[in-house]
Amino acid sequence: MGSEYFVPLLLQANPQYRTVLIFTNEVEVTIPFVEVENDYIQSPAWLDDDIDNTEETEEEIAVASEEDS
């Protein structure tokens, strides 16, 4: 389900396990389908810059560590 905010839905679908803290390996839990709207269609500009410059950042870190030693 991906978020702690969906725990009430999980408990509603599995009321028999409401008080269980540790499950054995044979317990089958019903996981309800939750349709989530994605409000973030585009990633922020600063994130795109970080992804594009990943290789440069690694090189800069490697060079800086060589100078320090």
PDB file of N, CA and C in Angstrom:
ATOM      1  N   MET A   1       0.834  -1.182   0.000  1.00  0.00           N
ATOM      2  CA  MET A   1       0.000   0.000   0.000  1.00  0.00           C
ATOM      3  C   MET A   1       0.878   1.244   0.000  1.00  0.00           C
ATOM      4  N   GLY A   2       2.021   1.200   0.641  1.00  0.00           N
ATOM      5  CA  GLY A   2       2.988   2.253   0.478  1.00  0.00           C
ATOM      6  C   GLY A   2       2.972   3.387   1.475  1.00  0.00           C
ATOM      7  N   SER A   3       2.022   3.474   2.365  1.00  0.00           N
ATOM      8  CA  SER A   3       1.986   4.590   3.294  1.00  0.00           C
ATOM      9  C   SER A   3       1.292   4.185   4.590  1.00  0.00           C
ATOM     10  N   GLU A   4       1.773   4.732   5.686  1.00  0.00           N
ATOM     11  CA  GLU A   4       1.141   4.454   6.981  1.00  0.00           C
ATOM     12  C   GLU A   4      -0.259   5.034   7.079  1.00  0.00           C
ATOM     13  N   TYR A   5      -0.591   5.958   6.182  1.00  0.00           N
ATOM     14  CA  TYR A   5      -1.917   6.562   6.187  1.00  0.00           C
ATOM     15  C   TYR A   5      -3.001   5.577   5.746  1.00  0.00           C
ATOM     16  N   PHE A   6      -2.609   4.456   5.143  1.00  0.00           N
ATOM     17  CA  PHE A   6      -3.572   3.463   4.691  1.00  0.00           C
ATOM     18  C   PHE A   6      -3.812   2.360   5.717  1.00  0.00           C
ATOM     19  N   VAL A   7      -3.205   2.444   6.881  1.00  0.00           N
ATOM     20  CA  VAL A   7      -3.390   1.430   7.915  1.00  0.00           C
ATOM     21  C   VAL A   7      -4.855   1.269   8.295  1.00  0.00           C
ATOM     22  N   PRO A   8      -5.647   2.325   8.444  1.00  0.00           N
ATOM     23  CA  PRO A   8      -7.070   2.114   8.753  1.00  0.00           C
ATOM     24  C   PRO A   8      -7.792   1.268   7.705  1.00  0.00           C
ATOM     25  N   LEU A   9      -7.446   1.433   6.432  1.00  0.00           N
ATOM     26  CA  LEU A   9      -8.058   0.616   5.387  1.00  0.00           C
ATOM     27  C   LEU A   9      -7.615  -0.840   5.499  1.00  0.00           C
ATOM     28  N   LEU A  10      -6.369  -1.052   5.832  1.00  0.00           N
ATOM     29  CA  LEU A  10      -5.847  -2.393   6.012  1.00  0.00           C
ATOM     30  C   LEU A  10      -6.523  -3.083   7.199  1.00  0.00           C
ATOM     31  N   LEU A  11      -6.697  -2.348   8.281  1.00  0.00           N
ATOM     32  CA  LEU A  11      -7.376  -2.904   9.455  1.00  0.00           C
ATOM     33  C   LEU A  11      -8.855  -3.151   9.186  1.00  0.00           C
ATOM     34  N   GLN A  12      -9.469  -2.307   8.411  1.00  0.00           N
ATOM     35  CA  GLN A  12     -10.882  -2.479   8.064  1.00  0.00           C
ATOM     36  C   GLN A  12     -11.071  -3.739   7.210  1.00  0.00           C
ATOM     37  N   ALA A  13     -10.114  -4.025   6.340  1.00  0.00           N
ATOM     38  CA  ALA A  13     -10.194  -5.213   5.499  1.00  0.00           C
ATOM     39  C   ALA A  13      -9.839  -6.486   6.259  1.00  0.00           C
ATOM     40  N   ASN A  14      -9.154  -6.362   7.397  1.00  0.00           N
ATOM     41  CA  ASN A  14      -8.708  -7.514   8.181  1.00  0.00           C
ATOM     42  C   ASN A  14      -8.996  -7.321   9.667  1.00  0.00           C
ATOM     43  N   PRO A  15     -10.251  -7.178  10.047  1.00  0.00           N
ATOM     44  CA  PRO A  15     -10.556  -6.895  11.457  1.00  0.00           C
ATOM     45  C   PRO A  15     -10.138  -8.019  12.404  1.00  0.00           C
ATOM     46  N   GLN A  16     -10.049  -9.243  11.916  1.00  0.00           N
ATOM     47  CA  GLN A  16      -9.660 -10.371  12.770  1.00  0.00           C
ATOM     48  C   GLN A  16      -8.213 -10.273  13.238  1.00  0.00           C
ATOM     49  N   TYR A  17      -7.399  -9.462  12.565  1.00  0.00           N
ATOM     50  CA  TYR A  17      -5.993  -9.315  12.934  1.00  0.00           C
ATOM     51  C   TYR A  17      -5.690  -7.974  13.607  1.00  0.00           C
ATOM     52  N   ARG A  18      -6.703  -7.299  14.083  1.00  0.00           N
ATOM     53  CA  ARG A  18      -6.536  -5.968  14.669  1.00  0.00           C
ATOM     54  C   ARG A  18      -5.584  -5.962  15.865  1.00  0.00           C
ATOM     55  N   THR A  19      -5.543  -7.031  16.630  1.00  0.00           N
ATOM     56  CA  THR A  19      -4.707  -7.062  17.832  1.00  0.00           C
ATOM     57  C   THR A  19      -3.408  -7.852  17.649  1.00  0.00           C
ATOM     58  N   VAL A  20      -3.149  -8.364  16.456  1.00  0.00           N
ATOM     59  CA  VAL A  20      -1.954  -9.170  16.203  1.00  0.00           C
ATOM     60  C   VAL A  20      -0.780  -8.255  15.900  1.00  0.00           C
ATOM     61  N   LEU A  21       0.350  -8.494  16.582  1.00  0.00           N
ATOM     62  CA  LEU A  21       1.561  -7.717  16.343  1.00  0.00           C
ATOM     63  C   LEU A  21       2.567  -8.469  15.488  1.00  0.00           C
ATOM     64  N   ILE A  22       2.671  -9.785  15.684  1.00  0.00           N
ATOM     65  CA  ILE A  22       3.607 -10.609  14.934  1.00  0.00           C
ATOM     66  C   ILE A  22       2.808 -11.713  14.244  1.00  0.00           C
ATOM     67  N   PHE A  23       3.003 -11.808  12.919  1.00  0.00           N
ATOM     68  CA  PHE A  23       2.276 -12.792  12.135  1.00  0.00           C
ATOM     69  C   PHE A  23       3.148 -14.018  11.876  1.00  0.00           C
ATOM     70  N   THR A  24       2.508 -15.190  11.864  1.00  0.00           N
ATOM     71  CA  THR A  24       3.223 -16.397  11.458  1.00  0.00           C
ATOM     72  C   THR A  24       3.273 -16.419   9.933  1.00  0.00           C
ATOM     73  N   ASN A  25       4.029 -17.344   9.369  1.00  0.00           N
ATOM     74  CA  ASN A  25       4.217 -17.356   7.929  1.00  0.00           C
ATOM     75  C   ASN A  25       3.013 -17.872   7.150  1.00  0.00           C
ATOM     76  N   GLU A  26       1.989 -18.395   7.791  1.00  0.00           N
ATOM     77  CA  GLU A  26       0.834 -18.940   7.080  1.00  0.00           C
ATOM     78  C   GLU A  26      -0.379 -18.022   7.108  1.00  0.00           C
ATOM     79  N   VAL A  27      -0.254 -16.821   7.616  1.00  0.00           N
ATOM     80  CA  VAL A  27      -1.380 -15.896   7.703  1.00  0.00           C
ATOM     81  C   VAL A  27      -1.561 -15.183   6.370  1.00  0.00           C
ATOM     82  N   GLU A  28      -2.783 -15.190   5.874  1.00  0.00           N
ATOM     83  CA  GLU A  28      -3.100 -14.471   4.642  1.00  0.00           C
ATOM     84  C   GLU A  28      -3.852 -13.198   5.008  1.00  0.00           C
ATOM     85  N   VAL A  29      -3.309 -12.080   4.586  1.00  0.00           N
ATOM     86  CA  VAL A  29      -3.891 -10.774   4.874  1.00  0.00           C
ATOM     87  C   VAL A  29      -4.488 -10.227   3.595  1.00  0.00           C
ATOM     88  N   THR A  30      -5.681  -9.675   3.690  1.00  0.00           N
ATOM     89  CA  THR A  30      -6.322  -9.054   2.539  1.00  0.00           C
ATOM     90  C   THR A  30      -5.821  -7.626   2.421  1.00  0.00           C
ATOM     91  N   ILE A  31      -5.306  -7.289   1.257  1.00  0.00           N
ATOM     92  CA  ILE A  31      -4.820  -5.937   1.020  1.00  0.00           C
ATOM     93  C   ILE A  31      -5.767  -5.267   0.039  1.00  0.00           C
ATOM     94  N   PRO A  32      -6.487  -4.240   0.497  1.00  0.00           N
ATOM     95  CA  PRO A  32      -7.453  -3.592  -0.382  1.00  0.00           C
ATOM     96  C   PRO A  32      -6.765  -2.760  -1.467  1.00  0.00           C
ATOM     97  N   PHE A  33      -7.426  -2.655  -2.610  1.00  0.00           N
ATOM     98  CA  PHE A  33      -6.908  -1.828  -3.693  1.00  0.00           C
ATOM     99  C   PHE A  33      -7.203  -0.370  -3.365  1.00  0.00           C
ATOM    100  N   VAL A  34      -6.201   0.468  -3.445  1.00  0.00           N
ATOM    101  CA  VAL A  34      -6.363   1.891  -3.177  1.00  0.00           C
ATOM    102  C   VAL A  34      -5.861   2.654  -4.393  1.00  0.00           C
ATOM    103  N   GLU A  35      -6.725   3.435  -4.987  1.00  0.00           N
ATOM    104  CA  GLU A  35      -6.313   4.240  -6.130  1.00  0.00           C
ATOM    105  C   GLU A  35      -5.825   5.587  -5.613  1.00  0.00           C
ATOM    106  N   VAL A  36      -4.583   5.886  -5.895  1.00  0.00           N
ATOM    107  CA  VAL A  36      -3.954   7.105  -5.400  1.00  0.00           C
ATOM    108  C   VAL A  36      -3.696   8.028  -6.581  1.00  0.00           C
ATOM    109  N   GLU A  37      -4.100   9.270  -6.431  1.00  0.00           N
ATOM    110  CA  GLU A  37      -3.837  10.244  -7.480  1.00  0.00           C
ATOM    111  C   GLU A  37      -2.434  10.799  -7.305  1.00  0.00           C
ATOM    112  N   ASN A  38      -1.742  10.930  -8.398  1.00  0.00           N
ATOM    113  CA  ASN A  38      -0.393  11.479  -8.360  1.00  0.00           C
ATOM    114  C   ASN A  38      -0.468  12.975  -8.639  1.00  0.00           C
ATOM    115  N   ASP A  39      -0.304  13.771  -7.607  1.00  0.00           N
ATOM    116  CA  ASP A  39      -0.365  15.219  -7.750  1.00  0.00           C
ATOM    117  C   ASP A  39       0.899  15.789  -8.379  1.00  0.00           C
ATOM    118  N   TYR A  40       1.978  15.019  -8.337  1.00  0.00           N
ATOM    119  CA  TYR A  40       3.251  15.497  -8.845  1.00  0.00           C
ATOM    120  C   TYR A  40       3.538  14.851 -10.194  1.00  0.00           C
ATOM    121  N   ILE A  41       3.033  15.456 -11.238  1.00  0.00           N
ATOM    122  CA  ILE A  41       3.206  14.904 -12.576  1.00  0.00           C
ATOM    123  C   ILE A  41       4.645  15.117 -13.040  1.00  0.00           C
ATOM    124  N   GLN A  42       5.192  16.290 -12.791  1.00  0.00           N
ATOM    125  CA  GLN A  42       6.558  16.575 -13.171  1.00  0.00           C
ATOM    126  C   GLN A  42       7.415  16.665 -11.913  1.00  0.00           C
ATOM    127  N   SER A  43       8.663  16.250 -12.048  1.00  0.00           N
ATOM    128  CA  SER A  43       9.562  16.394 -10.921  1.00  0.00           C
ATOM    129  C   SER A  43      10.065  17.833 -10.874  1.00  0.00           C
ATOM    130  N   PRO A  44      10.431  18.319  -9.696  1.00  0.00           N
ATOM    131  CA  PRO A  44      10.929  19.689  -9.587  1.00  0.00           C
ATOM    132  C   PRO A  44      12.229  19.879 -10.362  1.00  0.00           C
ATOM    133  N   ALA A  45      12.467  21.095 -10.804  1.00  0.00           N
ATOM    134  CA  ALA A  45      13.635  21.404 -11.633  1.00  0.00           C
ATOM    135  C   ALA A  45      14.941  21.067 -10.914  1.00  0.00           C
ATOM    136  N   TRP A  46      15.011  21.324  -9.619  1.00  0.00           N
ATOM    137  CA  TRP A  46      16.249  21.057  -8.902  1.00  0.00           C
ATOM    138  C   TRP A  46      16.567  19.566  -8.866  1.00  0.00           C
ATOM    139  N   LEU A  47      15.536  18.711  -8.886  1.00  0.00           N
ATOM    140  CA  LEU A  47      15.778  17.282  -8.884  1.00  0.00           C
ATOM    141  C   LEU A  47      16.318  16.829 -10.235  1.00  0.00           C
ATOM    142  N   ASP A  48      15.813  17.380 -11.320  1.00  0.00           N
ATOM    143  CA  ASP A  48      16.319  17.042 -12.648  1.00  0.00           C
ATOM    144  C   ASP A  48      17.790  17.403 -12.774  1.00  0.00           C
ATOM    145  N   ASP A  49      18.186  18.535 -12.237  1.00  0.00           N
ATOM    146  CA  ASP A  49      19.586  18.942 -12.294  1.00  0.00           C
ATOM    147  C   ASP A  49      20.477  17.959 -11.548  1.00  0.00           C
ATOM    148  N   ASP A  50      20.022  17.490 -10.384  1.00  0.00           N
ATOM    149  CA  ASP A  50      20.812  16.544  -9.603  1.00  0.00           C
ATOM    150  C   ASP A  50      20.976  15.217 -10.340  1.00  0.00           C
ATOM    151  N   ILE A  51      19.931  14.764 -11.019  1.00  0.00           N
ATOM    152  CA  ILE A  51      20.006  13.497 -11.741  1.00  0.00           C
ATOM    153  C   ILE A  51      20.962  13.622 -12.917  1.00  0.00           C
ATOM    154  N   ASP A  52      20.923  14.740 -13.637  1.00  0.00           N
ATOM    155  CA  ASP A  52      21.784  14.937 -14.797  1.00  0.00           C
ATOM    156  C   ASP A  52      23.250  15.067 -14.411  1.00  0.00           C
ATOM    157  N   ASN A  53      23.540  15.603 -13.234  1.00  0.00           N
ATOM    158  CA  ASN A  53      24.919  15.867 -12.832  1.00  0.00           C
ATOM    159  C   ASN A  53      25.480  14.807 -11.886  1.00  0.00           C
ATOM    160  N   THR A  54      24.876  13.636 -11.847  1.00  0.00           N
ATOM    161  CA  THR A  54      25.325  12.600 -10.918  1.00  0.00           C
ATOM    162  C   THR A  54      26.766  12.195 -11.195  1.00  0.00           C
ATOM    163  N   GLU A  55      27.119  12.009 -12.468  1.00  0.00           N
ATOM    164  CA  GLU A  55      28.473  11.584 -12.801  1.00  0.00           C
ATOM    165  C   GLU A  55      29.488  12.658 -12.440  1.00  0.00           C
ATOM    166  N   GLU A  56      29.179  13.919 -12.698  1.00  0.00           N
ATOM    167  CA  GLU A  56      30.087  15.010 -12.377  1.00  0.00           C
ATOM    168  C   GLU A  56      30.315  15.085 -10.875  1.00  0.00           C
ATOM    169  N   THR A  57      29.267  14.895 -10.103  1.00  0.00           N
ATOM    170  CA  THR A  57      29.383  14.964  -8.653  1.00  0.00           C
ATOM    171  C   THR A  57      30.294  13.853  -8.149  1.00  0.00           C
ATOM    172  N   GLU A  58      30.154  12.645  -8.674  1.00  0.00           N
ATOM    173  CA  GLU A  58      31.000  11.543  -8.242  1.00  0.00           C
ATOM    174  C   GLU A  58      32.459  11.827  -8.584  1.00  0.00           C
ATOM    175  N   GLU A  59      32.716  12.400  -9.764  1.00  0.00           N
ATOM    176  CA  GLU A  59      34.074  12.733 -10.148  1.00  0.00           C
ATOM    177  C   GLU A  59      34.653  13.807  -9.234  1.00  0.00           C
ATOM    178  N   GLU A  60      33.853  14.813  -8.902  1.00  0.00           N
ATOM    179  CA  GLU A  60      34.314  15.875  -8.024  1.00  0.00           C
ATOM    180  C   GLU A  60      34.657  15.326  -6.651  1.00  0.00           C
ATOM    181  N   ILE A  61      33.877  14.396  -6.167  1.00  0.00           N
ATOM    182  CA  ILE A  61      34.135  13.805  -4.859  1.00  0.00           C
ATOM    183  C   ILE A  61      35.439  12.999  -4.905  1.00  0.00           C
ATOM    184  N   ALA A  62      35.638  12.247  -5.976  1.00  0.00           N
ATOM    185  CA  ALA A  62      36.845  11.436  -6.098  1.00  0.00           C
ATOM    186  C   ALA A  62      38.077  12.336  -6.150  1.00  0.00           C
ATOM    187  N   VAL A  63      38.028  13.421  -6.890  1.00  0.00           N
ATOM    188  CA  VAL A  63      39.161  14.336  -7.000  1.00  0.00           C
ATOM    189  C   VAL A  63      39.442  14.997  -5.662  1.00  0.00           C
ATOM    190  N   ALA A  64      38.399  15.390  -4.955  1.00  0.00           N
ATOM    191  CA  ALA A  64      38.582  16.044  -3.672  1.00  0.00           C
ATOM    192  C   ALA A  64      39.225  15.093  -2.670  1.00  0.00           C
ATOM    193  N   SER A  65      38.860  13.826  -2.708  1.00  0.00           N
ATOM    194  CA  SER A  65      39.440  12.885  -1.744  1.00  0.00           C
ATOM    195  C   SER A  65      40.909  12.616  -2.053  1.00  0.00           C
ATOM    196  N   GLU A  66      41.320  12.660  -3.330  1.00  0.00           N
ATOM    197  CA  GLU A  66      42.721  12.467  -3.683  1.00  0.00           C
ATOM    198  C   GLU A  66      43.580  13.614  -3.197  1.00  0.00           C
ATOM    199  N   GLU A  67      43.071  14.831  -3.250  1.00  0.00           N
ATOM    200  CA  GLU A  67      43.814  15.997  -2.800  1.00  0.00           C
ATOM    201  C   GLU A  67      44.009  15.984  -1.291  1.00  0.00           C
ATOM    202  N   ASP A  68      43.021  15.464  -0.558  1.00  0.00           N
ATOM    203  CA  ASP A  68      43.098  15.454   0.889  1.00  0.00           C
ATOM    204  C   ASP A  68      44.097  14.426   1.421  1.00  0.00           C
ATOM    205  N   SER A  69      44.373  13.389   0.662  1.00  0.00           N
ATOM    206  CA  SER A  69      45.240  12.319   1.194  1.00  0.00           C
ATOM    207  C   SER A  69      46.710  12.536   0.938  1.00  0.00           C
TER     208      SER A  69
END
